[in-house]
């Protein structure tokens, strides 16, 4: 677990973090932000928040192969491209329009 510091305010029923102002690694840095940027606003203080550390080792690549849509040329995850029902690879975004233009005989 890692501790970061953010700006807190009492919203009436509970204390809430002001997420839109960001978080800081030190309590002093957050207090300095309040002093420099929010000095004319009362009722704001520095609070700590426990967060999970990022994954220490590189995330695993599961080797999912990307498939290019024949119509738009964008590569998608294999589940998002229909490779079996048509002669071309058609993504989920192009499929409705492709079905409309197909000559079903």
Protein backbone atom coordinates (compact mmCIF):
# COMPACT_ATOMS: atom_id res chain seq x y z
CA UNK A 1 0.00 0.00 0.00
CA UNK A 2 1.08 3.53 -0.73
CA UNK A 3 -0.07 6.73 0.94
CA UNK A 4 -0.85 9.80 -1.14
CA UNK A 5 -2.26 13.11 0.02
CA UNK A 6 -5.16 15.08 -1.34
CA UNK A 7 -7.41 17.96 -0.47
CA UNK A 8 -10.33 17.23 1.83
CA UNK A 9 -13.56 19.08 2.51
CA UNK A 10 -16.51 18.37 4.78
CA UNK A 11 -19.59 18.00 2.60
CA UNK A 12 -22.03 17.87 5.49
CA UNK A 13 -22.40 14.15 6.15
CA UNK A 14 -18.80 13.10 5.59
CA UNK A 15 -15.34 14.24 4.63
CA UNK A 16 -14.69 14.01 0.90
CA UNK A 17 -11.57 14.18 -1.23
CA UNK A 18 -11.45 16.90 -3.89
CA UNK A 19 -10.26 14.63 -6.70
CA UNK A 20 -10.21 17.28 -9.41
CA UNK A 21 -7.28 19.05 -7.73
CA UNK A 22 -5.05 15.96 -7.85
CA UNK A 23 -2.98 14.08 -5.29
CA UNK A 24 0.53 14.61 -3.93
CA UNK A 25 3.22 12.25 -2.70
CA UNK A 26 3.92 14.31 0.41
CA UNK A 27 1.69 16.05 2.89
CA UNK A 28 3.89 19.14 2.70
CA UNK A 29 3.39 19.46 -1.07
CA UNK A 30 -0.39 19.29 -0.69
CA UNK A 31 -0.31 21.89 2.11
CA UNK A 32 1.84 24.15 -0.06
CA UNK A 33 -0.74 23.88 -2.86
CA UNK A 34 -3.49 24.96 -0.45
CA UNK A 35 -1.37 27.88 0.73
CA UNK A 36 -0.46 29.06 -2.79
CA UNK A 37 -3.59 28.30 -4.80
CA UNK A 38 -6.52 28.09 -2.39
CA UNK A 39 -5.54 30.49 0.38
CA UNK A 40 -8.80 32.45 0.08
CA UNK A 41 -10.97 29.33 0.59
CA UNK A 42 -11.63 28.01 4.09
CA UNK A 43 -12.57 24.49 5.14
CA UNK A 44 -9.99 22.63 3.03
CA UNK A 45 -7.28 20.50 4.60
CA UNK A 46 -4.82 17.78 3.63
CA UNK A 47 -5.97 14.20 4.04
CA UNK A 48 -4.23 10.90 3.36
CA UNK A 49 -5.42 8.13 1.10
CA UNK A 50 -4.14 4.55 0.96
CA UNK A 51 -3.81 3.16 -2.57
CA UNK A 52 -2.43 -0.03 -4.05
CA UNK A 53 1.02 0.23 -5.57
CA UNK A 54 1.27 -0.27 -9.29
CA UNK A 55 2.23 -3.70 -10.55
CA UNK A 56 5.96 -4.01 -9.83
CA UNK A 57 6.74 -6.28 -12.76
CA UNK A 58 5.66 -5.74 -16.33
CA UNK A 59 2.10 -6.74 -17.12
CA UNK A 60 1.83 -10.04 -18.91
CA UNK A 61 1.08 -10.04 -22.61
CA UNK A 62 -1.40 -12.81 -23.21
CA UNK A 63 -0.60 -12.83 -26.90
CA UNK A 64 -4.05 -11.95 -28.12
CA UNK A 65 -3.65 -11.40 -31.83
CA UNK A 66 -5.16 -8.27 -33.29
CA UNK A 67 -7.27 -8.63 -36.44
CA UNK A 68 -7.59 -5.89 -39.05
CA UNK A 69 -11.01 -5.01 -40.39
CA UNK A 70 -11.01 -5.25 -44.19
CA UNK A 71 -13.38 -2.30 -44.48
CA UNK A 72 -12.02 0.37 -42.16
CA UNK A 73 -8.45 -0.90 -41.74
CA UNK A 74 -8.45 -0.61 -37.94
CA UNK A 75 -7.03 -3.47 -35.87
CA UNK A 76 -9.32 -4.91 -33.23
CA UNK A 77 -9.28 -7.66 -30.65
CA UNK A 78 -10.16 -10.95 -32.35
CA UNK A 79 -13.56 -11.13 -30.62
CA UNK A 80 -14.58 -7.81 -32.19
CA UNK A 81 -14.07 -8.90 -35.80
CA UNK A 82 -16.33 -11.35 -37.62
CA UNK A 83 -13.97 -13.61 -39.54
CA UNK A 84 -16.33 -16.51 -40.19
CA UNK A 85 -19.63 -15.23 -41.65
CA UNK A 86 -18.22 -13.14 -44.50
CA UNK A 87 -15.47 -13.39 -47.09
CA UNK A 88 -13.86 -10.33 -45.51
CA UNK A 89 -12.94 -9.54 -41.91
CA UNK A 90 -15.67 -7.17 -40.69
CA UNK A 91 -15.47 -5.38 -37.32
CA UNK A 92 -18.48 -4.79 -35.08
CA UNK A 93 -18.55 -1.11 -36.09
CA UNK A 94 -18.68 -1.81 -39.85
CA UNK A 95 -20.93 -4.87 -39.69
CA UNK A 96 -24.33 -3.09 -39.66
CA UNK A 97 -23.47 -1.08 -42.78
CA UNK A 98 -21.89 -4.10 -44.43
CA UNK A 99 -25.06 -6.15 -43.92
CA UNK A 100 -27.15 -3.39 -45.53
CA UNK A 101 -25.02 -3.36 -48.68
CA UNK A 102 -24.77 -7.15 -49.04
CA UNK A 103 -26.55 -8.66 -52.01
CA UNK A 104 -28.52 -11.45 -50.35
CA UNK A 105 -29.75 -13.77 -53.04
